[in-house]
Amino acid sequence: MKSEADFLSDTLENKAVMFAPGEGEVLALGGNSVTLKVTSDLSNDQLGIYEIKLSPSTIGARMHYHRFMDETFIVRKGTLTIELTDGPILAHEGAVVYVPRMTPHGFSNQSAGDVVINLIFNPGQQREGFFRGLKSILTEPVIDASKYLKLYQKYDSFPVDVQNMLPVGPS
């Protein structure tokens, strides 16, 4: 049986983690990359923070939505194009774009230079598993659309148009 004192005192722990530029697990996808920063394991599944580098003329994701996660884009370098149902918006360096759950969106780099963003998912929901699966599927000689869709749905992503969901082709 616990004593009353157990309920009245806090247990403090030093669990802060810092990721310097370039630190974190890097998943390279051609000229693009995802660097895992704050993962679900670190945040008790509450938050996921990832650094994404998109080369020129690269699709990050076609229009999709999340049922249980909010997504925030912080543009650190370049201009990110974010597709919304009302049309595209250009998010320039320093912009923050918040996309709540159930909001269709997609993103791409339609510029001539690299784009670097921090992507935040709340809650995290093991999103790094999605990025690892994405690397595996997108580096196969032929992209299997059914595997891609299964990966999407496992990690709370639902394409708006299943016939146009793969992040390949013109952006």
C-alpha atoms as a PDB file:
ATOM      1  CA  MET A   1       0.000   0.000   0.000  1.00  0.00           C
ATOM      2  CA  LYS A   2       1.357   3.429  -0.980  1.00  0.00           C
ATOM      3  CA  SER A   3       1.742   6.133   1.580  1.00  0.00           C
ATOM      4  CA  GLU A   4       0.084   9.522   1.130  1.00  0.00           C
ATOM      5  CA  ALA A   5       3.520  11.104   0.581  1.00  0.00           C
ATOM      6  CA  ASP A   6       3.882   9.158  -2.692  1.00  0.00           C
ATOM      7  CA  PHE A   7       0.944  11.102  -4.141  1.00  0.00           C
ATOM      8  CA  LEU A   8       2.121  14.500  -2.986  1.00  0.00           C
ATOM      9  CA  SER A   9       5.680  14.572  -4.259  1.00  0.00           C
ATOM     10  CA  ASP A  10       7.102  14.672  -7.755  1.00  0.00           C
ATOM     11  CA  THR A  11       9.963  12.545  -8.992  1.00  0.00           C
ATOM     12  CA  LEU A  12      12.245  14.744 -11.062  1.00  0.00           C
ATOM     13  CA  GLU A  13      14.424  13.275 -13.785  1.00  0.00           C
ATOM     14  CA  ASN A  14      16.913  14.752 -16.218  1.00  0.00           C
ATOM     15  CA  LYS A  15      15.664  13.388 -19.554  1.00  0.00           C
ATOM     16  CA  ALA A  16      16.307  16.379 -21.825  1.00  0.00           C
ATOM     17  CA  VAL A  17      17.773  15.506 -25.222  1.00  0.00           C
ATOM     18  CA  MET A  18      19.369  17.867 -27.721  1.00  0.00           C
ATOM     19  CA  PHE A  19      19.908  17.141 -31.391  1.00  0.00           C
ATOM     20  CA  ALA A  20      22.560  19.352 -32.946  1.00  0.00           C
ATOM     21  CA  PRO A  21      22.361  20.077 -36.683  1.00  0.00           C
ATOM     22  CA  GLY A  22      23.061  16.871 -38.564  1.00  0.00           C
ATOM     23  CA  GLU A  23      22.366  14.623 -35.565  1.00  0.00           C
ATOM     24  CA  GLY A  24      19.750  11.892 -35.593  1.00  0.00           C
ATOM     25  CA  GLU A  25      19.164   8.783 -37.657  1.00  0.00           C
ATOM     26  CA  VAL A  26      19.251   9.753 -41.351  1.00  0.00           C
ATOM     27  CA  LEU A  27      17.125   7.898 -43.903  1.00  0.00           C
ATOM     28  CA  ALA A  28      18.408   8.847 -47.360  1.00  0.00           C
ATOM     29  CA  LEU A  29      16.076   8.600 -50.350  1.00  0.00           C
ATOM     30  CA  GLY A  30      18.135   9.619 -53.365  1.00  0.00           C
ATOM     31  CA  GLY A  31      18.824  13.354 -53.009  1.00  0.00           C
ATOM     32  CA  ASN A  32      16.185  13.607 -50.261  1.00  0.00           C
ATOM     33  CA  SER A  33      16.400  12.658 -46.613  1.00  0.00           C
ATOM     34  CA  VAL A  34      14.477  12.267 -43.386  1.00  0.00           C
ATOM     35  CA  THR A  35      16.398  12.744 -40.143  1.00  0.00           C
ATOM     36  CA  LEU A  36      14.680  11.307 -37.088  1.00  0.00           C
ATOM     37  CA  LYS A  37      14.960  13.769 -34.184  1.00  0.00           C
ATOM     38  CA  VAL A  38      12.343  13.357 -31.435  1.00  0.00           C
ATOM     39  CA  THR A  39      10.893   9.883 -31.890  1.00  0.00           C
ATOM     40  CA  SER A  40       7.877   8.218 -30.327  1.00  0.00           C
ATOM     41  CA  ASP A  41      10.177   6.207 -28.056  1.00  0.00           C
ATOM     42  CA  LEU A  42      11.640   9.428 -26.613  1.00  0.00           C
ATOM     43  CA  SER A  43       8.287  11.205 -26.253  1.00  0.00           C
ATOM     44  CA  ASN A  44       6.201   8.287 -25.011  1.00  0.00           C
ATOM     45  CA  ASP A  45       4.345   8.386 -28.350  1.00  0.00           C
ATOM     46  CA  GLN A  46       3.221  11.986 -27.778  1.00  0.00           C
ATOM     47  CA  LEU A  47       5.342  13.784 -30.369  1.00  0.00           C
ATOM     48  CA  GLY A  48       7.437  13.149 -33.465  1.00  0.00           C
ATOM     49  CA  ILE A  49       9.875  15.705 -34.879  1.00  0.00           C
ATOM     50  CA  TYR A  50      11.696  15.040 -38.122  1.00  0.00           C
ATOM     51  CA  GLU A  51      13.948  17.043 -40.428  1.00  0.00           C
ATOM     52  CA  ILE A  52      13.036  16.615 -44.084  1.00  0.00           C
ATOM     53  CA  LYS A  53      15.254  17.663 -47.000  1.00  0.00           C
ATOM     54  CA  LEU A  54      13.555  17.817 -50.382  1.00  0.00           C
ATOM     55  CA  SER A  55      15.568  18.279 -53.560  1.00  0.00           C
ATOM     56  CA  PRO A  56      14.199  20.537 -56.310  1.00  0.00           C
ATOM     57  CA  SER A  57      11.052  19.271 -58.074  1.00  0.00           C
ATOM     58  CA  THR A  58      10.329  16.633 -55.406  1.00  0.00           C
ATOM     59  CA  ILE A  59       6.953  15.522 -54.097  1.00  0.00           C
ATOM     60  CA  GLY A  60       6.949  14.981 -50.332  1.00  0.00           C
ATOM     61  CA  ALA A  61       3.408  13.609 -50.255  1.00  0.00           C
ATOM     62  CA  ARG A  62       0.325  13.818 -52.448  1.00  0.00           C
ATOM     63  CA  MET A  63      -3.000  14.968 -50.959  1.00  0.00           C
ATOM     64  CA  HIS A  64      -3.849  12.934 -47.882  1.00  0.00           C
ATOM     65  CA  TYR A  65      -5.237  13.406 -44.391  1.00  0.00           C
ATOM     66  CA  HIS A  66      -4.707  12.033 -40.887  1.00  0.00           C
ATOM     67  CA  ARG A  67      -7.507  10.934 -38.582  1.00  0.00           C
ATOM     68  CA  PHE A  68      -5.611  11.056 -35.291  1.00  0.00           C
ATOM     69  CA  MET A  69      -2.552  13.291 -35.818  1.00  0.00           C
ATOM     70  CA  ASP A  70      -1.958  16.984 -36.338  1.00  0.00           C
ATOM     71  CA  GLU A  71       0.964  17.958 -38.573  1.00  0.00           C
ATOM     72  CA  THR A  72       3.061  21.122 -38.389  1.00  0.00           C
ATOM     73  CA  PHE A  73       5.551  22.250 -41.030  1.00  0.00           C
ATOM     74  CA  ILE A  74       8.351  24.659 -40.085  1.00  0.00           C
ATOM     75  CA  VAL A  75      10.259  25.841 -43.161  1.00  0.00           C
ATOM     76  CA  ARG A  76      13.944  26.282 -42.339  1.00  0.00           C
ATOM     77  CA  LYS A  77      15.298  26.735 -45.866  1.00  0.00           C
ATOM     78  CA  GLY A  78      13.704  27.443 -49.230  1.00  0.00           C
ATOM     79  CA  THR A  79      10.040  27.586 -50.204  1.00  0.00           C
ATOM     80  CA  LEU A  80       7.714  24.651 -49.549  1.00  0.00           C
ATOM     81  CA  THR A  81       4.529  24.272 -51.598  1.00  0.00           C
ATOM     82  CA  ILE A  82       1.650  22.960 -49.511  1.00  0.00           C
ATOM     83  CA  GLU A  83      -1.410  21.716 -51.367  1.00  0.00           C
ATOM     84  CA  LEU A  84      -4.739  22.350 -49.655  1.00  0.00           C
ATOM     85  CA  THR A  85      -8.281  21.844 -50.913  1.00  0.00           C
ATOM     86  CA  ASP A  86      -8.492  25.585 -51.724  1.00  0.00           C
ATOM     87  CA  GLY A  87      -5.271  25.399 -53.740  1.00  0.00           C
ATOM     88  CA  PRO A  88      -1.542  25.620 -53.080  1.00  0.00           C
ATOM     89  CA  ILE A  89       0.155  27.963 -50.636  1.00  0.00           C
ATOM     90  CA  LEU A  90       3.829  28.890 -50.670  1.00  0.00           C
ATOM     91  CA  ALA A  91       5.508  28.620 -47.287  1.00  0.00           C
ATOM     92  CA  HIS A  92       8.757  30.582 -47.356  1.00  0.00           C
ATOM     93  CA  GLU A  93      11.721  30.226 -45.008  1.00  0.00           C
ATOM     94  CA  GLY A  94      10.594  30.860 -41.441  1.00  0.00           C
ATOM     95  CA  ALA A  95       6.930  30.002 -42.120  1.00  0.00           C
ATOM     96  CA  VAL A  96       4.976  27.704 -39.829  1.00  0.00           C
ATOM     97  CA  VAL A  97       1.993  25.840 -41.283  1.00  0.00           C
ATOM     98  CA  TYR A  98      -0.300  23.920 -38.921  1.00  0.00           C
ATOM     99  CA  VAL A  99      -2.474  21.218 -40.497  1.00  0.00           C
ATOM    100  CA  PRO A 100      -4.967  19.724 -38.018  1.00  0.00           C
ATOM    101  CA  ARG A 101      -6.248  16.181 -38.360  1.00  0.00           C
ATOM    102  CA  MET A 102      -8.932  15.588 -41.016  1.00  0.00           C
ATOM    103  CA  THR A 103      -7.470  18.377 -43.203  1.00  0.00           C
ATOM    104  CA  PRO A 104      -6.472  17.199 -46.695  1.00  0.00           C
ATOM    105  CA  HIS A 105      -2.967  18.347 -47.585  1.00  0.00           C
ATOM    106  CA  GLY A 106       0.126  17.467 -49.582  1.00  0.00           C
ATOM    107  CA  PHE A 107       3.535  19.057 -49.937  1.00  0.00           C
ATOM    108  CA  SER A 108       6.335  19.388 -52.434  1.00  0.00           C
ATOM    109  CA  ASN A 109       9.393  21.349 -53.421  1.00  0.00           C
ATOM    110  CA  GLN A 110       8.543  23.021 -56.703  1.00  0.00           C
ATOM    111  CA  SER A 111      11.517  25.364 -56.530  1.00  0.00           C
ATOM    112  CA  ALA A 112      14.982  25.192 -58.081  1.00  0.00           C
ATOM    113  CA  GLY A 113      16.740  24.905 -54.690  1.00  0.00           C
ATOM    114  CA  ASP A 114      16.645  22.512 -51.752  1.00  0.00           C
ATOM    115  CA  VAL A 115      13.926  22.833 -49.123  1.00  0.00           C
ATOM    116  CA  VAL A 116      14.576  21.877 -45.493  1.00  0.00           C
ATOM    117  CA  ILE A 117      11.695  21.621 -43.037  1.00  0.00           C
ATOM    118  CA  ASN A 118      11.035  20.391 -39.553  1.00  0.00           C
ATOM    119  CA  LEU A 119       7.937  18.239 -39.570  1.00  0.00           C
ATOM    120  CA  ILE A 120       6.089  17.735 -36.285  1.00  0.00           C
ATOM    121  CA  PHE A 121       3.431  15.102 -35.654  1.00  0.00           C
ATOM    122  CA  ASN A 122       1.253  15.253 -32.571  1.00  0.00           C
ATOM    123  CA  PRO A 123       0.810  12.629 -31.266  1.00  0.00           C
ATOM    124  CA  GLY A 124       3.867  10.843 -32.635  1.00  0.00           C
ATOM    125  CA  GLN A 125       2.168   7.470 -33.184  1.00  0.00           C
ATOM    126  CA  GLN A 126       5.425   5.729 -34.129  1.00  0.00           C
ATOM    127  CA  ARG A 127       5.729   7.881 -37.269  1.00  0.00           C
ATOM    128  CA  GLU A 128       9.382   6.902 -37.695  1.00  0.00           C
ATOM    129  CA  GLY A 129       8.106   3.433 -38.680  1.00  0.00           C
ATOM    130  CA  PHE A 130       6.313   5.138 -41.561  1.00  0.00           C
ATOM    131  CA  PHE A 131       9.524   6.811 -42.740  1.00  0.00           C
ATOM    132  CA  ARG A 132      11.500   3.559 -42.526  1.00  0.00           C
ATOM    133  CA  GLY A 133       8.770   1.760 -44.506  1.00  0.00           C
ATOM    134  CA  LEU A 134       8.661   4.603 -47.019  1.00  0.00           C
ATOM    135  CA  LYS A 135      12.384   4.273 -47.646  1.00  0.00           C
ATOM    136  CA  SER A 136      12.024   0.526 -48.162  1.00  0.00           C
ATOM    137  CA  ILE A 137       9.083   0.816 -50.568  1.00  0.00           C
ATOM    138  CA  LEU A 138      10.364   3.805 -52.563  1.00  0.00           C
ATOM    139  CA  THR A 139      13.798   2.278 -53.131  1.00  0.00           C
ATOM    140  CA  GLU A 140      12.431  -0.944 -54.642  1.00  0.00           C
ATOM    141  CA  PRO A 141      12.946  -1.295 -58.431  1.00  0.00           C
ATOM    142  CA  VAL A 142       9.167  -1.040 -58.950  1.00  0.00           C
ATOM    143  CA  ILE A 143       6.952   0.742 -56.415  1.00  0.00           C
ATOM    144  CA  ASP A 144       4.151  -1.538 -55.226  1.00  0.00           C
ATOM    145  CA  ALA A 145       1.087   0.713 -54.840  1.00  0.00           C
ATOM    146  CA  SER A 146      -0.716  -1.791 -52.603  1.00  0.00           C
ATOM    147  CA  LYS A 147       2.240  -1.915 -50.168  1.00  0.00           C
ATOM    148  CA  TYR A 148       2.398   1.885 -50.222  1.00  0.00           C
ATOM    149  CA  LEU A 149      -1.314   2.163 -49.382  1.00  0.00           C
ATOM    150  CA  LYS A 150      -0.998  -0.423 -46.603  1.00  0.00           C
ATOM    151  CA  LEU A 151       1.935   1.531 -45.109  1.00  0.00           C
ATOM    152  CA  TYR A 152      -0.036   4.777 -45.372  1.00  0.00           C
ATOM    153  CA  GLN A 153      -3.061   3.373 -43.609  1.00  0.00           C
ATOM    154  CA  LYS A 154      -1.027   1.663 -40.871  1.00  0.00           C
ATOM    155  CA  TYR A 155       0.439   5.058 -39.932  1.00  0.00           C
ATOM    156  CA  ASP A 156      -2.758   7.147 -40.005  1.00  0.00           C
ATOM    157  CA  SER A 157      -2.414   8.527 -43.537  1.00  0.00           C
ATOM    158  CA  PHE A 158      -5.266   8.284 -45.995  1.00  0.00           C
ATOM    159  CA  PRO A 159      -4.861   9.362 -49.639  1.00  0.00           C
ATOM    160  CA  VAL A 160      -7.534  11.657 -51.020  1.00  0.00           C
ATOM    161  CA  ASP A 161      -7.136   9.976 -54.439  1.00  0.00           C
ATOM    162  CA  VAL A 162      -5.858   6.379 -54.321  1.00  0.00           C
ATOM    163  CA  GLN A 163      -5.208   6.507 -58.088  1.00  0.00           C
ATOM    164  CA  ASN A 164      -2.834   9.461 -57.598  1.00  0.00           C
ATOM    165  CA  MET A 165      -1.168   8.749 -54.253  1.00  0.00           C
ATOM    166  CA  LEU A 166       2.425   7.808 -55.117  1.00  0.00           C
ATOM    167  CA  PRO A 167       4.991  10.592 -54.648  1.00  0.00           C
ATOM    168  CA  VAL A 168       6.437  10.151 -58.136  1.00  0.00           C
ATOM    169  CA  GLY A 169       5.898  11.986 -61.391  1.00  0.00           C
ATOM    170  CA  PRO A 170       5.438  15.722 -61.930  1.00  0.00           C
ATOM    171  CA  SER A 171       5.002  17.733 -58.743  1.00  0.00           C
END
